[in-house]
C-alpha atoms as a PDB file:
ATOM      1  CA  MET A   1      -3.981  27.954  14.224  1.00  0.00           C
ATOM      2  CA  THR A   2      -7.390  26.197  14.997  1.00  0.00           C
ATOM      3  CA  ALA A   3      -6.816  22.314  15.679  1.00  0.00           C
ATOM      4  CA  VAL A   4      -8.108  20.076  12.971  1.00  0.00           C
ATOM      5  CA  LEU A   5      -9.392  17.906  15.761  1.00  0.00           C
ATOM      6  CA  ARG A   6      -9.927  18.406  19.241  1.00  0.00           C
ATOM      7  CA  ALA A   7     -11.071  16.436  21.830  1.00  0.00           C
ATOM      8  CA  THR A   8     -11.118  17.211  25.464  1.00  0.00           C
ATOM      9  CA  ASP A   9     -11.867  15.225  28.718  1.00  0.00           C
ATOM     10  CA  LEU A  10     -14.173  12.117  26.863  1.00  0.00           C
ATOM     11  CA  TRP A  11     -15.662   9.729  28.814  1.00  0.00           C
ATOM     12  CA  LYS A  12     -17.245   6.503  27.749  1.00  0.00           C
ATOM     13  CA  SER A  13     -18.821   3.592  29.685  1.00  0.00           C
ATOM     14  CA  PHE A  14     -20.138   0.341  28.683  1.00  0.00           C
ATOM     15  CA  ASP A  15     -22.448  -1.527  31.112  1.00  0.00           C
ATOM     16  CA  GLY A  16     -21.161   0.515  33.957  1.00  0.00           C
ATOM     17  CA  ARG A  17     -17.487  -0.153  32.860  1.00  0.00           C
ATOM     18  CA  ALA A  18     -15.393   3.110  32.186  1.00  0.00           C
ATOM     19  CA  VAL A  19     -13.582   2.468  28.584  1.00  0.00           C
ATOM     20  CA  LEU A  20     -12.439   6.067  28.137  1.00  0.00           C
ATOM     21  CA  ARG A  21     -11.772   8.080  31.298  1.00  0.00           C
ATOM     22  CA  GLY A  22     -10.935  11.844  30.779  1.00  0.00           C
ATOM     23  CA  VAL A  23      -9.024  11.377  27.170  1.00  0.00           C
ATOM     24  CA  SER A  24      -7.820  14.361  25.486  1.00  0.00           C
ATOM     25  CA  VAL A  25      -6.461  14.454  21.991  1.00  0.00           C
ATOM     26  CA  GLU A  26      -5.483  17.071  19.412  1.00  0.00           C
ATOM     27  CA  LEU A  27      -4.422  17.075  15.869  1.00  0.00           C
ATOM     28  CA  ASP A  28      -3.169  19.809  13.751  1.00  0.00           C
ATOM     29  CA  VAL A  29      -3.084  19.531   9.999  1.00  0.00           C
ATOM     30  CA  HIS A  30      -0.724  17.274   8.682  1.00  0.00           C
ATOM     31  CA  ASP A  31      -0.220  15.327  12.164  1.00  0.00           C
ATOM     32  CA  VAL A  32       0.410  11.960  12.225  1.00  0.00           C
ATOM     33  CA  VAL A  33      -0.676  10.548  15.578  1.00  0.00           C
ATOM     34  CA  ALA A  34      -0.294   7.020  16.769  1.00  0.00           C
ATOM     35  CA  VAL A  35      -2.162   5.562  19.744  1.00  0.00           C
ATOM     36  CA  ILE A  36      -0.487   2.422  21.268  1.00  0.00           C
ATOM     37  CA  GLY A  37      -1.747   0.423  24.229  1.00  0.00           C
ATOM     38  CA  ALA A  38      -2.740  -3.261  25.137  1.00  0.00           C
ATOM     39  CA  SER A  39      -5.799  -4.992  23.842  1.00  0.00           C
ATOM     40  CA  GLY A  40      -8.966  -3.584  25.627  1.00  0.00           C
ATOM     41  CA  SER A  41      -7.191  -0.295  26.488  1.00  0.00           C
ATOM     42  CA  GLY A  42      -9.728   1.934  24.701  1.00  0.00           C
ATOM     43  CA  LYS A  43      -8.038   2.683  21.384  1.00  0.00           C
ATOM     44  CA  SER A  44     -11.125   1.590  18.976  1.00  0.00           C
ATOM     45  CA  THR A  45     -13.449   3.138  21.372  1.00  0.00           C
ATOM     46  CA  LEU A  46     -11.585   6.369  21.144  1.00  0.00           C
ATOM     47  CA  LEU A  47     -11.667   6.236  17.397  1.00  0.00           C
ATOM     48  CA  ARG A  48     -15.249   5.462  16.981  1.00  0.00           C
ATOM     49  CA  CYS A  49     -16.346   8.143  19.492  1.00  0.00           C
ATOM     50  CA  LEU A  50     -14.416  10.887  17.475  1.00  0.00           C
ATOM     51  CA  ASN A  51     -16.528  10.352  14.614  1.00  0.00           C
ATOM     52  CA  LEU A  52     -19.546   9.683  16.381  1.00  0.00           C
ATOM     53  CA  LEU A  53     -19.949   5.985  15.831  1.00  0.00           C
ATOM     54  CA  GLU A  54     -20.288   5.770  19.508  1.00  0.00           C
ATOM     55  CA  PRO A  55     -22.090   8.481  21.755  1.00  0.00           C
ATOM     56  CA  ILE A  56     -19.926   9.653  24.401  1.00  0.00           C
ATOM     57  CA  ASP A  57     -21.056  10.050  28.018  1.00  0.00           C
ATOM     58  CA  ASP A  58     -18.971  13.407  28.505  1.00  0.00           C
ATOM     59  CA  GLY A  59     -16.522  15.766  27.126  1.00  0.00           C
ATOM     60  CA  GLN A  60     -16.215  17.729  24.057  1.00  0.00           C
ATOM     61  CA  ILE A  61     -15.187  16.878  20.279  1.00  0.00           C
ATOM     62  CA  PHE A  62     -14.284  19.844  18.004  1.00  0.00           C
ATOM     63  CA  LEU A  63     -13.821  19.331  14.193  1.00  0.00           C
ATOM     64  CA  ALA A  64     -12.231  22.483  12.627  1.00  0.00           C
ATOM     65  CA  GLY A  65     -13.671  24.416  15.185  1.00  0.00           C
ATOM     66  CA  ASP A  66     -17.066  22.827  15.121  1.00  0.00           C
ATOM     67  CA  ASP A  67     -18.598  21.326  18.198  1.00  0.00           C
ATOM     68  CA  ILE A  68     -19.389  18.110  16.865  1.00  0.00           C
ATOM     69  CA  SER A  69     -20.353  16.798  20.333  1.00  0.00           C
ATOM     70  CA  ASP A  70     -23.276  18.784  20.220  1.00  0.00           C
ATOM     71  CA  PRO A  71     -26.504  16.725  20.398  1.00  0.00           C
ATOM     72  CA  ARG A  72     -27.745  18.833  17.493  1.00  0.00           C
ATOM     73  CA  ALA A  73     -24.987  18.179  15.296  1.00  0.00           C
ATOM     74  CA  ASP A  74     -25.799  16.035  12.004  1.00  0.00           C
ATOM     75  CA  ALA A  75     -23.961  12.851  12.872  1.00  0.00           C
ATOM     76  CA  ASN A  76     -24.139  11.653   9.111  1.00  0.00           C
ATOM     77  CA  ARG A  77     -22.479  14.917   8.047  1.00  0.00           C
ATOM     78  CA  VAL A  78     -19.774  14.706  10.677  1.00  0.00           C
ATOM     79  CA  ARG A  79     -19.043  11.211   9.393  1.00  0.00           C
ATOM     80  CA  SER A  80     -18.499  12.230   5.928  1.00  0.00           C
ATOM     81  CA  ARG A  81     -15.861  14.647   7.003  1.00  0.00           C
ATOM     82  CA  PHE A  82     -13.804  11.661   8.209  1.00  0.00           C
ATOM     83  CA  GLY A  83     -12.258   8.943   6.680  1.00  0.00           C
ATOM     84  CA  ILE A  84     -12.184   5.592   8.654  1.00  0.00           C
ATOM     85  CA  VAL A  85     -10.589   2.366   8.246  1.00  0.00           C
ATOM     86  CA  PHE A  86     -11.381  -0.676  10.295  1.00  0.00           C
ATOM     87  CA  GLN A  87      -9.465  -3.951  11.146  1.00  0.00           C
ATOM     88  CA  GLY A  88     -11.875  -6.097   9.119  1.00  0.00           C
ATOM     89  CA  TYR A  89     -12.057  -4.070   5.674  1.00  0.00           C
ATOM     90  CA  ASN A  90     -15.908  -3.674   5.925  1.00  0.00           C
ATOM     91  CA  LEU A  91     -16.191  -3.632   1.867  1.00  0.00           C
ATOM     92  CA  PHE A  92     -19.531  -4.603   0.594  1.00  0.00           C
ATOM     93  CA  PRO A  93     -19.037  -8.142  -1.154  1.00  0.00           C
ATOM     94  CA  HIS A  94     -21.749  -7.848  -3.860  1.00  0.00           C
ATOM     95  CA  LEU A  95     -20.215  -4.219  -4.930  1.00  0.00           C
ATOM     96  CA  THR A  96     -17.332  -4.141  -7.338  1.00  0.00           C
ATOM     97  CA  VAL A  97     -13.996  -2.826  -5.975  1.00  0.00           C
ATOM     98  CA  LEU A  98     -14.600   0.550  -7.900  1.00  0.00           C
ATOM     99  CA  ASP A  99     -18.142   0.680  -6.472  1.00  0.00           C
ATOM    100  CA  ASN A 100     -17.005   0.383  -2.771  1.00  0.00           C
ATOM    101  CA  ILE A 101     -14.665   3.392  -3.530  1.00  0.00           C
ATOM    102  CA  THR A 102     -17.221   5.386  -5.174  1.00  0.00           C
ATOM    103  CA  LEU A 103     -20.151   4.825  -2.961  1.00  0.00           C
ATOM    104  CA  ALA A 104     -19.699   7.719  -0.482  1.00  0.00           C
ATOM    105  CA  ALA A 105     -18.870  10.135  -3.112  1.00  0.00           C
ATOM    106  CA  ARG A 106     -21.817   9.622  -4.900  1.00  0.00           C
ATOM    107  CA  PHE A 107     -24.436   9.045  -2.702  1.00  0.00           C
ATOM    108  CA  VAL A 108     -23.116  11.130   0.269  1.00  0.00           C
ATOM    109  CA  HIS A 109     -21.139  13.761  -1.117  1.00  0.00           C
ATOM    110  CA  ARG A 110     -23.516  13.683  -4.336  1.00  0.00           C
ATOM    111  CA  MET A 111     -20.403  13.741  -6.757  1.00  0.00           C
ATOM    112  CA  PRO A 112     -21.414  12.714 -10.535  1.00  0.00           C
ATOM    113  CA  ARG A 113     -20.701   9.151 -11.176  1.00  0.00           C
ATOM    114  CA  ARG A 114     -18.258   9.862 -13.873  1.00  0.00           C
ATOM    115  CA  GLU A 115     -16.278  12.069 -11.766  1.00  0.00           C
ATOM    116  CA  ALA A 116     -16.411   9.608  -8.838  1.00  0.00           C
ATOM    117  CA  GLU A 117     -15.352   6.805 -11.039  1.00  0.00           C
ATOM    118  CA  GLU A 118     -12.482   8.818 -12.621  1.00  0.00           C
ATOM    119  CA  ARG A 119     -11.198   9.751  -8.871  1.00  0.00           C
ATOM    120  CA  GLY A 120     -11.823   6.235  -7.783  1.00  0.00           C
ATOM    121  CA  ARG A 121      -9.458   4.669 -10.876  1.00  0.00           C
ATOM    122  CA  GLU A 122      -6.861   7.246 -10.005  1.00  0.00           C
ATOM    123  CA  LEU A 123      -7.128   6.092  -6.292  1.00  0.00           C
ATOM    124  CA  LEU A 124      -6.768   2.302  -7.621  1.00  0.00           C
ATOM    125  CA  ALA A 125      -3.682   3.287  -9.357  1.00  0.00           C
ATOM    126  CA  ARG A 126      -2.118   4.844  -6.625  1.00  0.00           C
ATOM    127  CA  VAL A 127      -2.637   1.976  -4.221  1.00  0.00           C
ATOM    128  CA  GLY A 128      -1.373  -0.507  -7.125  1.00  0.00           C
ATOM    129  CA  LEU A 129      -4.683  -1.806  -7.726  1.00  0.00           C
ATOM    130  CA  ALA A 130      -5.759  -0.237 -11.078  1.00  0.00           C
ATOM    131  CA  ASP A 131      -6.388  -3.833 -12.690  1.00  0.00           C
ATOM    132  CA  LYS A 132      -8.963  -4.470  -9.776  1.00  0.00           C
ATOM    133  CA  ALA A 133     -11.720  -1.993 -10.465  1.00  0.00           C
ATOM    134  CA  ASP A 134     -13.979  -4.583 -11.629  1.00  0.00           C
ATOM    135  CA  ALA A 135     -13.307  -7.480  -9.296  1.00  0.00           C
ATOM    136  CA  HIS A 136     -15.416  -8.271  -6.465  1.00  0.00           C
ATOM    137  CA  PRO A 137     -13.566  -8.145  -2.776  1.00  0.00           C
ATOM    138  CA  ASP A 138     -13.697 -11.970  -2.559  1.00  0.00           C
ATOM    139  CA  ARG A 139     -11.173 -12.111  -5.280  1.00  0.00           C
ATOM    140  CA  LEU A 140      -8.464  -9.982  -3.367  1.00  0.00           C
ATOM    141  CA  SER A 141      -6.019 -10.877  -0.923  1.00  0.00           C
ATOM    142  CA  GLY A 142      -6.511  -9.505   2.508  1.00  0.00           C
ATOM    143  CA  GLY A 143      -3.678  -6.883   1.968  1.00  0.00           C
ATOM    144  CA  GLN A 144      -5.467  -5.937  -1.177  1.00  0.00           C
ATOM    145  CA  GLN A 145      -8.769  -5.568   0.186  1.00  0.00           C
ATOM    146  CA  GLN A 146      -7.184  -3.355   2.955  1.00  0.00           C
ATOM    147  CA  ARG A 147      -5.604  -1.176   0.303  1.00  0.00           C
ATOM    148  CA  VAL A 148      -9.041  -1.084  -1.353  1.00  0.00           C
ATOM    149  CA  ALA A 149     -10.563   0.145   2.064  1.00  0.00           C
ATOM    150  CA  ILE A 150      -7.704   2.969   2.531  1.00  0.00           C
ATOM    151  CA  ALA A 151      -8.679   4.017  -1.078  1.00  0.00           C
ATOM    152  CA  ARG A 152     -12.291   4.467  -0.121  1.00  0.00           C
ATOM    153  CA  ALA A 153     -11.520   6.187   2.958  1.00  0.00           C
ATOM    154  CA  ILE A 154      -9.309   8.932   1.288  1.00  0.00           C
ATOM    155  CA  ALA A 155     -11.855   8.945  -1.960  1.00  0.00           C
ATOM    156  CA  THR A 156     -14.096  12.062  -0.525  1.00  0.00           C
ATOM    157  CA  ASP A 157     -10.598  14.030   0.861  1.00  0.00           C
ATOM    158  CA  PRO A 158     -11.453  13.542   4.667  1.00  0.00           C
ATOM    159  CA  GLU A 159     -10.308  16.330   7.005  1.00  0.00           C
ATOM    160  CA  VAL A 160      -8.990  13.656   9.322  1.00  0.00           C
ATOM    161  CA  LEU A 161      -8.234   9.855   8.630  1.00  0.00           C
ATOM    162  CA  LEU A 162      -8.579   7.517  11.268  1.00  0.00           C
ATOM    163  CA  LEU A 163      -7.024   3.985  11.163  1.00  0.00           C
ATOM    164  CA  ASP A 164      -8.159   1.444  13.653  1.00  0.00           C
ATOM    165  CA  GLU A 165      -5.621  -1.410  13.891  1.00  0.00           C
ATOM    166  CA  ILE A 166      -5.643  -1.920  10.034  1.00  0.00           C
ATOM    167  CA  THR A 167      -2.988  -4.639   9.907  1.00  0.00           C
ATOM    168  CA  SER A 168      -4.327  -6.608  12.834  1.00  0.00           C
ATOM    169  CA  ALA A 169      -6.518  -9.150  10.544  1.00  0.00           C
ATOM    170  CA  LEU A 170      -3.731  -9.478   7.991  1.00  0.00           C
ATOM    171  CA  ASP A 171      -1.308 -12.333   7.457  1.00  0.00           C
ATOM    172  CA  PRO A 172       2.212 -11.426   8.647  1.00  0.00           C
ATOM    173  CA  MET A 173       3.524 -11.337   4.894  1.00  0.00           C
ATOM    174  CA  LEU A 174       0.738  -8.928   3.762  1.00  0.00           C
ATOM    175  CA  VAL A 175       1.410  -5.924   6.573  1.00  0.00           C
ATOM    176  CA  GLY A 176       3.947  -4.136   4.651  1.00  0.00           C
ATOM    177  CA  GLU A 177       2.108  -3.469   1.541  1.00  0.00           C
ATOM    178  CA  VAL A 178      -0.599  -1.644   3.632  1.00  0.00           C
ATOM    179  CA  LEU A 179       1.915   0.150   6.027  1.00  0.00           C
ATOM    180  CA  GLU A 180       3.917   1.155   3.064  1.00  0.00           C
ATOM    181  CA  LEU A 181       0.610   2.923   1.741  1.00  0.00           C
ATOM    182  CA  VAL A 182       0.067   4.560   5.216  1.00  0.00           C
ATOM    183  CA  ARG A 183       3.556   5.974   5.038  1.00  0.00           C
ATOM    184  CA  THR A 184       3.091   7.347   1.523  1.00  0.00           C
ATOM    185  CA  LEU A 185      -0.206   9.111   2.747  1.00  0.00           C
ATOM    186  CA  ALA A 186       1.701  10.613   5.831  1.00  0.00           C
ATOM    187  CA  GLU A 187       4.284  12.026   3.289  1.00  0.00           C
ATOM    188  CA  ASP A 188       1.834  13.410   1.063  1.00  0.00           C
ATOM    189  CA  GLY A 189       0.327  15.458   4.046  1.00  0.00           C
ATOM    190  CA  ALA A 190      -2.692  13.464   5.403  1.00  0.00           C
ATOM    191  CA  THR A 191      -4.025  14.011   9.132  1.00  0.00           C
ATOM    192  CA  ILE A 192      -3.860  10.734  10.383  1.00  0.00           C
ATOM    193  CA  LEU A 193      -4.924   9.298  13.861  1.00  0.00           C
ATOM    194  CA  MET A 194      -4.121   5.458  14.029  1.00  0.00           C
ATOM    195  CA  ALA A 195      -4.601   2.768  16.814  1.00  0.00           C
ATOM    196  CA  THR A 196      -1.761   0.389  16.177  1.00  0.00           C
ATOM    197  CA  HIS A 197       0.298  -2.494  17.522  1.00  0.00           C
ATOM    198  CA  GLU A 198       3.025  -1.907  15.098  1.00  0.00           C
ATOM    199  CA  MET A 199       5.500  -0.390  17.289  1.00  0.00           C
ATOM    200  CA  ALA A 200       8.366   0.340  14.638  1.00  0.00           C
ATOM    201  CA  PHE A 201       5.732   1.756  12.386  1.00  0.00           C
ATOM    202  CA  ALA A 202       4.556   4.250  14.812  1.00  0.00           C
ATOM    203  CA  ARG A 203       8.156   5.015  16.015  1.00  0.00           C
ATOM    204  CA  ASP A 204       9.050   5.755  12.367  1.00  0.00           C
ATOM    205  CA  VAL A 205       6.086   7.526  10.865  1.00  0.00           C
ATOM    206  CA  ALA A 206       4.199   9.406  13.547  1.00  0.00           C
ATOM    207  CA  ASN A 207       5.153  12.616  15.069  1.00  0.00           C
ATOM    208  CA  ARG A 208       3.448  11.973  18.307  1.00  0.00           C
ATOM    209  CA  VAL A 209       2.455   9.114  20.129  1.00  0.00           C
ATOM    210  CA  LEU A 210      -0.098   8.330  22.791  1.00  0.00           C
ATOM    211  CA  PHE A 211      -0.023   5.381  25.216  1.00  0.00           C
ATOM    212  CA  LEU A 212      -3.384   4.587  26.283  1.00  0.00           C
ATOM    213  CA  ASP A 213      -3.792   2.473  29.336  1.00  0.00           C
ATOM    214  CA  GLN A 214      -6.951   1.335  31.000  1.00  0.00           C
ATOM    215  CA  GLY A 215      -8.854   4.144  29.187  1.00  0.00           C
ATOM    216  CA  ALA A 216      -6.555   6.788  30.224  1.00  0.00           C
ATOM    217  CA  ILE A 217      -3.624   8.676  28.352  1.00  0.00           C
ATOM    218  CA  VAL A 218      -0.622   7.782  30.600  1.00  0.00           C
ATOM    219  CA  GLU A 219       1.964   9.437  28.400  1.00  0.00           C
ATOM    220  CA  GLU A 220       2.177  11.189  24.968  1.00  0.00           C
ATOM    221  CA  GLY A 221       5.450  12.698  23.330  1.00  0.00           C
ATOM    222  CA  PRO A 222       7.421  12.373  20.004  1.00  0.00           C
ATOM    223  CA  PRO A 223       8.389   8.836  19.337  1.00  0.00           C
ATOM    224  CA  ALA A 224      11.862   9.068  19.989  1.00  0.00           C
ATOM    225  CA  GLN A 225      11.158  10.432  23.732  1.00  0.00           C
ATOM    226  CA  LEU A 226       8.464   7.949  24.283  1.00  0.00           C
ATOM    227  CA  PHE A 227      10.233   4.783  22.947  1.00  0.00           C
ATOM    228  CA  GLY A 228      13.565   5.707  23.998  1.00  0.00           C
ATOM    229  CA  ALA A 229      13.191   7.485  27.058  1.00  0.00           C
ATOM    230  CA  ALA A 230       9.419   6.888  28.569  1.00  0.00           C
ATOM    231  CA  ARG A 231       8.694   8.822  31.823  1.00  0.00           C
ATOM    232  CA  GLU A 232       5.907   6.733  33.162  1.00  0.00           C
ATOM    233  CA  PRO A 233       6.708   3.337  34.516  1.00  0.00           C
ATOM    234  CA  ARG A 234       3.450   2.033  33.196  1.00  0.00           C
ATOM    235  CA  THR A 235       4.443   3.086  29.703  1.00  0.00           C
ATOM    236  CA  ARG A 236       8.208   1.491  30.011  1.00  0.00           C
ATOM    237  CA  GLU A 237       6.398  -1.974  31.296  1.00  0.00           C
ATOM    238  CA  PHE A 238       4.027  -2.130  28.539  1.00  0.00           C
ATOM    239  CA  LEU A 239       6.730  -1.417  26.042  1.00  0.00           C
ATOM    240  CA  ALA A 240       9.158  -3.818  27.528  1.00  0.00           C
ATOM    241  CA  ARG A 241       6.486  -6.452  27.681  1.00  0.00           C
ATOM    242  CA  PHE A 242       5.790  -5.740  23.841  1.00  0.00           C
ATOM    243  CA  THR A 243       9.440  -5.994  22.911  1.00  0.00           C
ATOM    244  CA  ALA A 244       9.903  -9.272  24.879  1.00  0.00           C
ATOM    245  CA  GLY A 245       6.690 -10.701  23.232  1.00  0.00           C
END
């Protein structure tokens, strides 16, 4: 079976400093893969490179068998095949919640407005915000805004959903509602690659975990193996420090 997303030997530097050093990642349909690691380890850069928000210096990226790292690839078309949710919501403040959700469907995927809005309202109901369609983002809590951002990301049925530390900007009281939504998406069969510092969530929801350290994947495996019996000293040190903190 062809992997939905396969990246091989990715390298990326900023100002001469290597941020990704030979990273390889593969996701099959319905995989939920968590990327863990300290701040600055390259997690966000990896996700941004995978959907071409950042150009890679070397390596290859394939999406459903298509070489999207080919310089001739249409970056905008490639990005339309991903859904991505960032740390800071990135909602348009001048648009209503419904308009935020339907924007890409209408203007990138050319979906008729009525159809896009029906889909948008269905998604708002799914994320528990059916009554917020006409509200503007500044009238929502952080957890509500992040749920809107997730609804927007899945509105176009992306092949892969990228989640970049989506709870890091949230009040601790609001983290649970967002993680519960991601858990539901995973149970419904979404293909997800998530950078996260929520270790318990990664252990419970992911079917594979990657430990990224200084731009390289040090260890990967099923959550039970990596969290329960990590092989690499650097992995054990990171997990012990995280637990202690």
